[in-house]
Amino acid sequence: MRRITTCLLIAGAALATSLQPASAQVADQVLNAVIESRSDDDKARDAARHPAETLAFFQVKPGMTVAEALPGGGWYTRILANYLGGDATLYGVNYVDRMWPMFSFATEEWIAKRIASNKAFPDSVAGFTDNGIKAQGFTFNTVPEAAVGKVDRVLLIRALHNLNRFEASAGTLTQALAAVRGMLKPDGLVGVVQHRLPESAADEGADGSRGYLKESTVLAAFEAAGFELVASSEINANPKDQPGPEDSVWRLPPSLNDSKDDPERRAAMAAIGESDRMTLLFRMASQAG
């Protein structure tokens, strides 16, 4: 199945990066083929995460240079590596190394694995596709010269809450967004998907420590970093998610962290589904007008 996808991408990347009117349709066909070719476990999350609609909203196209923040388990990486094609570049961007020990549950082994994942990123990508896409992993404070001013899209998918969580004490979000700005081409875009807390919620616990951020917090952070909002979407909204003052996103699927021994609560959380999420698209403010 992977080789079928690769063949589609070779044809799709050549056409979708051209200026022909049909190129957008070809890109959509390639993306849909990639999404359909994945494992059943990956596709089980599609109804909540809407990958085709989300990547289309972010205007991601074959042949682009894309930086994915926190590639982690590879759910989006598996799509991107196959969709972007052999002429593209995919960067995996992780937290700065000093951030991992800030988590209260961090162990030396856990920290070491997270740091090692940067070097392992190209091998992970090679395991997802045989199309020859170029790949490199690094952190927000070790952006290679080759990536500076060369990235078409930076994707921050469920990646901002912990950066904001440690912003007050360590400036982690400010530093990350400065790195994002440095990576972007002049016409590059930043796509954000983030667990969303209602604006009416109390500010206590709204710093990202529960996984949630207010949309106003995200907008303010990007504005301060020199970005402006291009568009917003409700693609990934879930009105069933109404968190209480103590609720975290990890009570919901796929984590279900606080109900592993409580079948009734587990069923209730599963019925809610994954978290309510904002979907935002930004550009550098200097490109306005």
C-alpha atoms as a PDB file:
ATOM      1  CA  MET A   1       0.000   0.000   0.000  1.00  0.00           C
ATOM      2  CA  ARG A   2       2.868   2.365   0.718  1.00  0.00           C
ATOM      3  CA  ARG A   3       4.291   1.883  -2.807  1.00  0.00           C
ATOM      4  CA  ILE A   4       0.889   2.637  -4.348  1.00  0.00           C
ATOM      5  CA  THR A   5       0.796   5.860  -2.377  1.00  0.00           C
ATOM      6  CA  THR A   6       4.317   6.734  -3.504  1.00  0.00           C
ATOM      7  CA  CYS A   7       3.382   6.294  -7.149  1.00  0.00           C
ATOM      8  CA  LEU A   8       0.410   8.576  -6.701  1.00  0.00           C
ATOM      9  CA  LEU A   9       2.581  11.172  -5.037  1.00  0.00           C
ATOM     10  CA  ILE A  10       5.160  11.198  -7.807  1.00  0.00           C
ATOM     11  CA  ALA A  11       2.464  12.055 -10.312  1.00  0.00           C
ATOM     12  CA  GLY A  12       0.605  14.336  -7.920  1.00  0.00           C
ATOM     13  CA  ALA A  13       3.606  16.359  -6.802  1.00  0.00           C
ATOM     14  CA  ALA A  14       4.591  17.080 -10.395  1.00  0.00           C
ATOM     15  CA  LEU A  15       1.122  18.302 -11.293  1.00  0.00           C
ATOM     16  CA  ALA A  16       0.058  19.954  -8.056  1.00  0.00           C
ATOM     17  CA  THR A  17       3.065  22.273  -8.011  1.00  0.00           C
ATOM     18  CA  SER A  18       2.372  23.480 -11.542  1.00  0.00           C
ATOM     19  CA  LEU A  19       0.198  26.464 -12.406  1.00  0.00           C
ATOM     20  CA  GLN A  20      -2.469  24.426 -14.170  1.00  0.00           C
ATOM     21  CA  PRO A  21      -6.032  24.885 -12.860  1.00  0.00           C
ATOM     22  CA  ALA A  22      -6.351  21.133 -12.289  1.00  0.00           C
ATOM     23  CA  SER A  23      -3.378  21.054  -9.899  1.00  0.00           C
ATOM     24  CA  ALA A  24      -5.479  21.712  -6.791  1.00  0.00           C
ATOM     25  CA  GLN A  25      -7.740  18.813  -7.695  1.00  0.00           C
ATOM     26  CA  VAL A  26      -4.736  16.556  -8.205  1.00  0.00           C
ATOM     27  CA  ALA A  27      -3.321  17.569  -4.819  1.00  0.00           C
ATOM     28  CA  ASP A  28      -6.660  16.802  -3.174  1.00  0.00           C
ATOM     29  CA  GLN A  29      -6.732  13.386  -4.845  1.00  0.00           C
ATOM     30  CA  VAL A  30      -3.210  12.625  -3.657  1.00  0.00           C
ATOM     31  CA  LEU A  31      -3.991  13.733  -0.111  1.00  0.00           C
ATOM     32  CA  ASN A  32      -7.164  11.657   0.007  1.00  0.00           C
ATOM     33  CA  ALA A  33      -5.277   8.617  -1.304  1.00  0.00           C
ATOM     34  CA  VAL A  34      -2.603   9.043   1.371  1.00  0.00           C
ATOM     35  CA  ILE A  35      -5.182   9.382   4.128  1.00  0.00           C
ATOM     36  CA  GLU A  36      -7.087   6.333   2.940  1.00  0.00           C
ATOM     37  CA  SER A  37      -3.921   4.210   2.734  1.00  0.00           C
ATOM     38  CA  ARG A  38      -3.113   4.501   6.456  1.00  0.00           C
ATOM     39  CA  SER A  39      -3.754   1.966   9.177  1.00  0.00           C
ATOM     40  CA  ASP A  40      -7.199   1.533  10.711  1.00  0.00           C
ATOM     41  CA  ASP A  41      -5.834   2.832  14.019  1.00  0.00           C
ATOM     42  CA  ASP A  42      -4.733   6.086  12.396  1.00  0.00           C
ATOM     43  CA  LYS A  43      -7.967   6.479  10.439  1.00  0.00           C
ATOM     44  CA  ALA A  44     -10.003   5.984  13.620  1.00  0.00           C
ATOM     45  CA  ARG A  45      -8.987   9.528  14.660  1.00  0.00           C
ATOM     46  CA  ASP A  46      -9.951  11.180  11.360  1.00  0.00           C
ATOM     47  CA  ALA A  47     -13.514  12.014  12.382  1.00  0.00           C
ATOM     48  CA  ALA A  48     -12.131  14.159  15.218  1.00  0.00           C
ATOM     49  CA  ARG A  49      -8.997  15.519  13.547  1.00  0.00           C
ATOM     50  CA  HIS A  50     -10.142  16.089   9.940  1.00  0.00           C
ATOM     51  CA  PRO A  51      -6.676  15.843   8.389  1.00  0.00           C
ATOM     52  CA  ALA A  52      -7.730  16.465   4.779  1.00  0.00           C
ATOM     53  CA  GLU A  53      -9.747  19.556   5.647  1.00  0.00           C
ATOM     54  CA  THR A  54      -7.100  20.827   8.067  1.00  0.00           C
ATOM     55  CA  LEU A  55      -4.167  20.519   5.657  1.00  0.00           C
ATOM     56  CA  ALA A  56      -6.267  22.088   2.899  1.00  0.00           C
ATOM     57  CA  PHE A  57      -7.115  25.008   5.221  1.00  0.00           C
ATOM     58  CA  PHE A  58      -3.395  25.410   5.942  1.00  0.00           C
ATOM     59  CA  GLN A  59      -2.756  25.417   2.166  1.00  0.00           C
ATOM     60  CA  VAL A  60      -0.188  22.625   2.391  1.00  0.00           C
ATOM     61  CA  LYS A  61       0.810  21.373  -1.076  1.00  0.00           C
ATOM     62  CA  PRO A  62       3.110  18.669  -2.467  1.00  0.00           C
ATOM     63  CA  GLY A  63       6.698  19.794  -2.948  1.00  0.00           C
ATOM     64  CA  MET A  64       6.669  22.257  -0.048  1.00  0.00           C
ATOM     65  CA  THR A  65       9.135  22.565   2.792  1.00  0.00           C
ATOM     66  CA  VAL A  66       7.104  21.951   5.955  1.00  0.00           C
ATOM     67  CA  ALA A  67       8.091  22.091   9.629  1.00  0.00           C
ATOM     68  CA  GLU A  68       5.933  20.024  11.967  1.00  0.00           C
ATOM     69  CA  ALA A  69       6.203  20.846  15.650  1.00  0.00           C
ATOM     70  CA  LEU A  70       6.247  17.933  18.096  1.00  0.00           C
ATOM     71  CA  PRO A  71       5.941  15.118  15.548  1.00  0.00           C
ATOM     72  CA  GLY A  72       5.878  12.692  18.485  1.00  0.00           C
ATOM     73  CA  GLY A  73       4.014   9.518  17.626  1.00  0.00           C
ATOM     74  CA  GLY A  74       3.876  10.425  13.962  1.00  0.00           C
ATOM     75  CA  TRP A  75       0.117  10.652  13.333  1.00  0.00           C
ATOM     76  CA  TYR A  76       0.422  13.724  11.096  1.00  0.00           C
ATOM     77  CA  THR A  77       3.983  12.871  10.039  1.00  0.00           C
ATOM     78  CA  ARG A  78       2.757   9.728   8.299  1.00  0.00           C
ATOM     79  CA  ILE A  79       0.389  11.836   6.226  1.00  0.00           C
ATOM     80  CA  LEU A  80       2.828  14.640   5.498  1.00  0.00           C
ATOM     81  CA  ALA A  81       5.759  12.406   4.554  1.00  0.00           C
ATOM     82  CA  ASN A  82       3.707  10.664   1.886  1.00  0.00           C
ATOM     83  CA  TYR A  83       1.672  13.651   0.722  1.00  0.00           C
ATOM     84  CA  LEU A  84       4.502  16.166   0.310  1.00  0.00           C
ATOM     85  CA  GLY A  85       6.458  13.853  -1.995  1.00  0.00           C
ATOM     86  CA  GLY A  86      10.073  13.171  -2.878  1.00  0.00           C
ATOM     87  CA  ASP A  87      10.837  16.753  -3.937  1.00  0.00           C
ATOM     88  CA  ALA A  88       9.820  18.126  -0.545  1.00  0.00           C
ATOM     89  CA  THR A  89      11.479  18.607   2.825  1.00  0.00           C
ATOM     90  CA  LEU A  90       9.917  17.747   6.176  1.00  0.00           C
ATOM     91  CA  TYR A  91      11.368  19.095   9.410  1.00  0.00           C
ATOM     92  CA  GLY A  92      10.437  17.771  12.832  1.00  0.00           C
ATOM     93  CA  VAL A  93      10.772  20.540  15.437  1.00  0.00           C
ATOM     94  CA  ASN A  94      10.836  19.729  19.126  1.00  0.00           C
ATOM     95  CA  TYR A  95      10.937  21.557  22.440  1.00  0.00           C
ATOM     96  CA  VAL A  96      14.296  22.895  23.522  1.00  0.00           C
ATOM     97  CA  ASP A  97      16.169  20.285  25.562  1.00  0.00           C
ATOM     98  CA  ARG A  98      15.980  22.351  28.755  1.00  0.00           C
ATOM     99  CA  MET A  99      12.188  22.184  28.692  1.00  0.00           C
ATOM    100  CA  TRP A 100      11.800  18.432  29.201  1.00  0.00           C
ATOM    101  CA  PRO A 101      12.953  18.425  32.854  1.00  0.00           C
ATOM    102  CA  MET A 102      10.292  21.053  33.624  1.00  0.00           C
ATOM    103  CA  PHE A 103       7.566  18.397  33.516  1.00  0.00           C
ATOM    104  CA  SER A 104       6.844  17.117  37.013  1.00  0.00           C
ATOM    105  CA  PHE A 105       6.658  13.493  35.864  1.00  0.00           C
ATOM    106  CA  ALA A 106       9.899  13.596  33.862  1.00  0.00           C
ATOM    107  CA  THR A 107      12.450  10.847  34.484  1.00  0.00           C
ATOM    108  CA  GLU A 108      15.993  10.715  33.159  1.00  0.00           C
ATOM    109  CA  GLU A 109      15.038   7.923  30.771  1.00  0.00           C
ATOM    110  CA  TRP A 110      11.986   9.818  29.498  1.00  0.00           C
ATOM    111  CA  ILE A 111      14.020  12.994  28.953  1.00  0.00           C
ATOM    112  CA  ALA A 112      16.758  11.083  27.131  1.00  0.00           C
ATOM    113  CA  LYS A 113      14.207   9.533  24.756  1.00  0.00           C
ATOM    114  CA  ARG A 114      12.680  12.899  23.948  1.00  0.00           C
ATOM    115  CA  ILE A 115      16.065  14.436  23.207  1.00  0.00           C
ATOM    116  CA  ALA A 116      17.128  11.442  21.109  1.00  0.00           C
ATOM    117  CA  SER A 117      13.978  11.710  18.995  1.00  0.00           C
ATOM    118  CA  ASN A 118      15.442  14.712  17.149  1.00  0.00           C
ATOM    119  CA  LYS A 119      18.210  12.649  15.548  1.00  0.00           C
ATOM    120  CA  ALA A 120      15.797   9.752  15.014  1.00  0.00           C
ATOM    121  CA  PHE A 121      13.310  11.821  13.007  1.00  0.00           C
ATOM    122  CA  PRO A 122      14.788  11.096   9.526  1.00  0.00           C
ATOM    123  CA  ASP A 123      14.727   7.370  10.220  1.00  0.00           C
ATOM    124  CA  SER A 124      11.132   7.626  11.396  1.00  0.00           C
ATOM    125  CA  VAL A 125      10.152   9.396   8.175  1.00  0.00           C
ATOM    126  CA  ALA A 126      11.992   6.784   6.112  1.00  0.00           C
ATOM    127  CA  GLY A 127       9.908   4.154   7.861  1.00  0.00           C
ATOM    128  CA  PHE A 128       6.712   5.916   6.784  1.00  0.00           C
ATOM    129  CA  THR A 129       7.517   6.312   3.085  1.00  0.00           C
ATOM    130  CA  ASP A 130      10.021   5.270   0.426  1.00  0.00           C
ATOM    131  CA  ASN A 131       9.519   8.366  -1.719  1.00  0.00           C
ATOM    132  CA  GLY A 132      12.885   9.937  -0.843  1.00  0.00           C
ATOM    133  CA  ILE A 133      11.565  13.019   0.961  1.00  0.00           C
ATOM    134  CA  LYS A 134      14.302  14.921   2.783  1.00  0.00           C
ATOM    135  CA  ALA A 135      13.868  15.007   6.563  1.00  0.00           C
ATOM    136  CA  GLN A 136      15.662  16.499   9.552  1.00  0.00           C
ATOM    137  CA  GLY A 137      14.875  16.868  13.244  1.00  0.00           C
ATOM    138  CA  PHE A 138      15.928  19.721  15.518  1.00  0.00           C
ATOM    139  CA  THR A 139      14.675  21.887  18.387  1.00  0.00           C
ATOM    140  CA  PHE A 140      13.276  25.398  18.502  1.00  0.00           C
ATOM    141  CA  ASN A 141      16.697  26.721  19.513  1.00  0.00           C
ATOM    142  CA  THR A 142      18.810  24.639  17.095  1.00  0.00           C
ATOM    143  CA  VAL A 143      17.215  25.604  13.780  1.00  0.00           C
ATOM    144  CA  PRO A 144      19.778  24.790  11.066  1.00  0.00           C
ATOM    145  CA  GLU A 145      20.902  27.493   8.665  1.00  0.00           C
ATOM    146  CA  ALA A 146      19.374  25.526   5.785  1.00  0.00           C
ATOM    147  CA  ALA A 147      15.919  26.027   7.300  1.00  0.00           C
ATOM    148  CA  VAL A 148      16.185  29.758   8.022  1.00  0.00           C
ATOM    149  CA  GLY A 149      13.827  31.657   5.727  1.00  0.00           C
ATOM    150  CA  LYS A 150      13.143  28.509   3.686  1.00  0.00           C
ATOM    151  CA  VAL A 151       9.987  26.982   5.198  1.00  0.00           C
ATOM    152  CA  ASP A 152       6.632  27.253   3.416  1.00  0.00           C
ATOM    153  CA  ARG A 153       4.462  26.047   6.292  1.00  0.00           C
ATOM    154  CA  VAL A 154       5.000  25.591  10.019  1.00  0.00           C
ATOM    155  CA  LEU A 155       2.378  23.376  11.646  1.00  0.00           C
ATOM    156  CA  LEU A 156       1.756  23.741  15.385  1.00  0.00           C
ATOM    157  CA  ILE A 157      -0.802  21.014  15.934  1.00  0.00           C
ATOM    158  CA  ARG A 158      -1.685  20.588  19.613  1.00  0.00           C
ATOM    159  CA  ALA A 159       1.781  21.967  20.359  1.00  0.00           C
ATOM    160  CA  LEU A 160       1.233  25.293  22.118  1.00  0.00           C
ATOM    161  CA  HIS A 161      -0.172  24.447  25.549  1.00  0.00           C
ATOM    162  CA  ASN A 162       3.085  23.284  27.132  1.00  0.00           C
ATOM    163  CA  LEU A 163       5.037  26.093  25.493  1.00  0.00           C
ATOM    164  CA  ASN A 164       2.616  28.547  27.127  1.00  0.00           C
ATOM    165  CA  ARG A 165       2.591  26.563  30.363  1.00  0.00           C
ATOM    166  CA  PHE A 166       6.251  27.423  30.964  1.00  0.00           C
ATOM    167  CA  GLU A 167       6.204  30.843  29.308  1.00  0.00           C
ATOM    168  CA  ALA A 168       6.041  32.843  32.538  1.00  0.00           C
ATOM    169  CA  SER A 169       9.016  31.052  34.072  1.00  0.00           C
ATOM    170  CA  ALA A 170      11.148  30.284  31.022  1.00  0.00           C
ATOM    171  CA  GLY A 171       9.885  32.264  28.012  1.00  0.00           C
ATOM    172  CA  THR A 172       9.336  29.058  26.062  1.00  0.00           C
ATOM    173  CA  LEU A 173       6.463  30.229  23.848  1.00  0.00           C
ATOM    174  CA  THR A 174       8.146  33.526  22.988  1.00  0.00           C
ATOM    175  CA  GLN A 175      11.329  31.700  21.997  1.00  0.00           C
ATOM    176  CA  ALA A 176       9.448  29.109  19.932  1.00  0.00           C
ATOM    177  CA  LEU A 177       7.453  31.686  17.989  1.00  0.00           C
ATOM    178  CA  ALA A 178      10.637  33.657  17.286  1.00  0.00           C
ATOM    179  CA  ALA A 179      12.123  30.464  15.852  1.00  0.00           C
ATOM    180  CA  VAL A 180       8.993  29.900  13.759  1.00  0.00           C
ATOM    181  CA  ARG A 181       9.237  33.411  12.346  1.00  0.00           C
ATOM    182  CA  GLY A 182      12.900  32.842  11.525  1.00  0.00           C
ATOM    183  CA  MET A 183      12.124  29.647   9.602  1.00  0.00           C
ATOM    184  CA  LEU A 184       9.354  31.054   7.429  1.00  0.00           C
ATOM    185  CA  LYS A 185       9.698  32.220   3.866  1.00  0.00           C
ATOM    186  CA  PRO A 186       8.374  35.778   3.372  1.00  0.00           C
ATOM    187  CA  ASP A 187       5.081  34.332   2.097  1.00  0.00           C
ATOM    188  CA  GLY A 188       5.044  31.385   4.503  1.00  0.00           C
ATOM    189  CA  LEU A 189       2.119  30.494   6.753  1.00  0.00           C
ATOM    190  CA  VAL A 190       1.707  29.039  10.237  1.00  0.00           C
ATOM    191  CA  GLY A 191      -1.102  26.584  10.917  1.00  0.00           C
ATOM    192  CA  VAL A 192      -2.339  26.099  14.476  1.00  0.00           C
ATOM    193  CA  VAL A 193      -4.650  23.461  15.932  1.00  0.00           C
ATOM    194  CA  GLN A 194      -4.996  23.820  19.681  1.00  0.00           C
ATOM    195  CA  HIS A 195      -7.242  22.521  22.474  1.00  0.00           C
ATOM    196  CA  ARG A 196      -9.614  25.408  23.190  1.00  0.00           C
ATOM    197  CA  LEU A 197     -10.875  26.691  26.516  1.00  0.00           C
ATOM    198  CA  PRO A 198     -14.010  28.883  26.465  1.00  0.00           C
ATOM    199  CA  GLU A 199     -13.293  32.591  26.801  1.00  0.00           C
ATOM    200  CA  SER A 200     -15.705  32.662  29.729  1.00  0.00           C
ATOM    201  CA  ALA A 201     -13.614  30.197  31.736  1.00  0.00           C
ATOM    202  CA  ALA A 202     -11.564  31.370  34.700  1.00  0.00           C
ATOM    203  CA  ASP A 203      -7.979  32.356  33.969  1.00  0.00           C
ATOM    204  CA  GLU A 204      -6.765  29.983  36.657  1.00  0.00           C
ATOM    205  CA  GLY A 205      -5.721  26.779  34.928  1.00  0.00           C
ATOM    206  CA  ALA A 206      -5.915  28.425  31.508  1.00  0.00           C
ATOM    207  CA  ASP A 207      -2.133  28.565  31.079  1.00  0.00           C
ATOM    208  CA  GLY A 208      -1.899  25.267  29.193  1.00  0.00           C
ATOM    209  CA  SER A 209      -1.215  23.040  32.199  1.00  0.00           C
ATOM    210  CA  ARG A 210      -4.555  21.293  31.565  1.00  0.00           C
ATOM    211  CA  GLY A 211      -3.889  21.164  27.816  1.00  0.00           C
ATOM    212  CA  TYR A 212      -6.313  23.996  27.059  1.00  0.00           C
ATOM    213  CA  LEU A 213      -5.672  27.576  25.959  1.00  0.00           C
ATOM    214  CA  LYS A 214      -8.087  30.391  25.279  1.00  0.00           C
ATOM    215  CA  GLU A 215      -8.146  31.514  21.670  1.00  0.00           C
ATOM    216  CA  SER A 216      -7.499  35.072  22.847  1.00  0.00           C
ATOM    217  CA  THR A 217      -4.270  33.875  24.508  1.00  0.00           C
ATOM    218  CA  VAL A 218      -3.046  32.327  21.262  1.00  0.00           C
ATOM    219  CA  LEU A 219      -3.970  35.380  19.205  1.00  0.00           C
ATOM    220  CA  ALA A 220      -2.193  37.713  21.629  1.00  0.00           C
ATOM    221  CA  ALA A 221       0.958  35.583  21.639  1.00  0.00           C
ATOM    222  CA  PHE A 222       1.133  35.515  17.846  1.00  0.00           C
ATOM    223  CA  GLU A 223       0.487  39.238  17.568  1.00  0.00           C
ATOM    224  CA  ALA A 224       3.277  39.923  20.050  1.00  0.00           C
ATOM    225  CA  ALA A 225       5.575  37.691  17.971  1.00  0.00           C
ATOM    226  CA  GLY A 226       4.902  39.678  14.794  1.00  0.00           C
ATOM    227  CA  PHE A 227       2.170  37.612  13.167  1.00  0.00           C
ATOM    228  CA  GLU A 228      -1.344  38.403  12.037  1.00  0.00           C
ATOM    229  CA  LEU A 229      -4.354  36.147  11.684  1.00  0.00           C
ATOM    230  CA  VAL A 230      -5.207  35.187   8.099  1.00  0.00           C
ATOM    231  CA  ALA A 231      -8.231  32.987   8.787  1.00  0.00           C
ATOM    232  CA  SER A 232      -9.895  30.818  11.410  1.00  0.00           C
ATOM    233  CA  SER A 233     -12.010  27.697  11.045  1.00  0.00           C
ATOM    234  CA  GLU A 234     -14.297  25.505  13.115  1.00  0.00           C
ATOM    235  CA  ILE A 235     -13.114  22.356  11.300  1.00  0.00           C
ATOM    236  CA  ASN A 236     -11.897  20.837  14.553  1.00  0.00           C
ATOM    237  CA  ALA A 237     -14.547  22.217  16.902  1.00  0.00           C
ATOM    238  CA  ASN A 238     -16.351  19.917  19.316  1.00  0.00           C
ATOM    239  CA  PRO A 239     -19.175  21.650  21.234  1.00  0.00           C
ATOM    240  CA  LYS A 240     -19.620  18.532  23.388  1.00  0.00           C
ATOM    241  CA  ASP A 241     -16.350  19.338  25.124  1.00  0.00           C
ATOM    242  CA  GLN A 242     -17.305  21.606  28.022  1.00  0.00           C
ATOM    243  CA  PRO A 243     -14.429  21.306  30.523  1.00  0.00           C
ATOM    244  CA  GLY A 244     -14.991  22.069  34.172  1.00  0.00           C
ATOM    245  CA  PRO A 245     -12.515  24.028  36.311  1.00  0.00           C
ATOM    246  CA  GLU A 246     -10.436  20.925  37.061  1.00  0.00           C
ATOM    247  CA  ASP A 247     -10.809  19.072  33.760  1.00  0.00           C
ATOM    248  CA  SER A 248      -7.863  18.422  31.475  1.00  0.00           C
ATOM    249  CA  VAL A 249      -7.878  17.432  27.820  1.00  0.00           C
ATOM    250  CA  TRP A 250      -6.352  14.100  28.798  1.00  0.00           C
ATOM    251  CA  ARG A 251      -9.623  12.976  30.361  1.00  0.00           C
ATOM    252  CA  LEU A 252     -10.888  12.641  26.767  1.00  0.00           C
ATOM    253  CA  PRO A 253      -9.942  10.262  23.935  1.00  0.00           C
ATOM    254  CA  PRO A 254      -7.482   9.073  22.968  1.00  0.00           C
ATOM    255  CA  SER A 255      -5.864   9.357  26.443  1.00  0.00           C
ATOM    256  CA  LEU A 256      -8.822   8.738  28.799  1.00  0.00           C
ATOM    257  CA  ASN A 257      -6.300   9.107  31.600  1.00  0.00           C
ATOM    258  CA  ASP A 258      -8.613   9.458  34.582  1.00  0.00           C
ATOM    259  CA  SER A 259     -11.098   6.716  33.733  1.00  0.00           C
ATOM    260  CA  LYS A 260      -9.044   3.623  33.080  1.00  0.00           C
ATOM    261  CA  ASP A 261     -10.584   1.917  36.116  1.00  0.00           C
ATOM    262  CA  ASP A 262     -14.017   3.518  35.820  1.00  0.00           C
ATOM    263  CA  PRO A 263     -16.008   2.053  32.907  1.00  0.00           C
ATOM    264  CA  GLU A 264     -18.925   4.452  33.403  1.00  0.00           C
ATOM    265  CA  ARG A 265     -16.771   7.575  33.274  1.00  0.00           C
ATOM    266  CA  ARG A 266     -14.725   6.106  30.441  1.00  0.00           C
ATOM    267  CA  ALA A 267     -17.904   5.682  28.396  1.00  0.00           C
ATOM    268  CA  ALA A 268     -19.004   9.232  29.210  1.00  0.00           C
ATOM    269  CA  MET A 269     -15.671  10.698  28.119  1.00  0.00           C
ATOM    270  CA  ALA A 270     -15.612   8.570  24.968  1.00  0.00           C
ATOM    271  CA  ALA A 271     -19.071   9.904  24.107  1.00  0.00           C
ATOM    272  CA  ILE A 272     -17.731  13.467  24.231  1.00  0.00           C
ATOM    273  CA  GLY A 273     -14.929  12.612  21.842  1.00  0.00           C
ATOM    274  CA  GLU A 274     -11.669  14.462  21.378  1.00  0.00           C
ATOM    275  CA  SER A 275     -11.261  18.026  22.621  1.00  0.00           C
ATOM    276  CA  ASP A 276     -12.764  21.188  21.187  1.00  0.00           C
ATOM    277  CA  ARG A 277     -10.038  22.796  19.080  1.00  0.00           C
ATOM    278  CA  MET A 278      -9.361  26.133  17.456  1.00  0.00           C
ATOM    279  CA  THR A 279      -7.889  26.058  13.935  1.00  0.00           C
ATOM    280  CA  LEU A 280      -6.004  29.210  12.977  1.00  0.00           C
ATOM    281  CA  LEU A 281      -3.825  30.371  10.094  1.00  0.00           C
ATOM    282  CA  PHE A 282      -1.203  33.120  10.511  1.00  0.00           C
ATOM    283  CA  ARG A 283       1.288  35.008   8.396  1.00  0.00           C
ATOM    284  CA  MET A 284       4.019  37.448   9.260  1.00  0.00           C
ATOM    285  CA  ALA A 285       2.479  40.844   9.885  1.00  0.00           C
ATOM    286  CA  SER A 286       4.968  42.519   7.548  1.00  0.00           C
ATOM    287  CA  GLN A 287       3.185  40.748   4.687  1.00  0.00           C
ATOM    288  CA  ALA A 288      -0.132  42.472   5.363  1.00  0.00           C
ATOM    289  CA  GLY A 289      -1.799  44.019   2.361  1.00  0.00           C
END
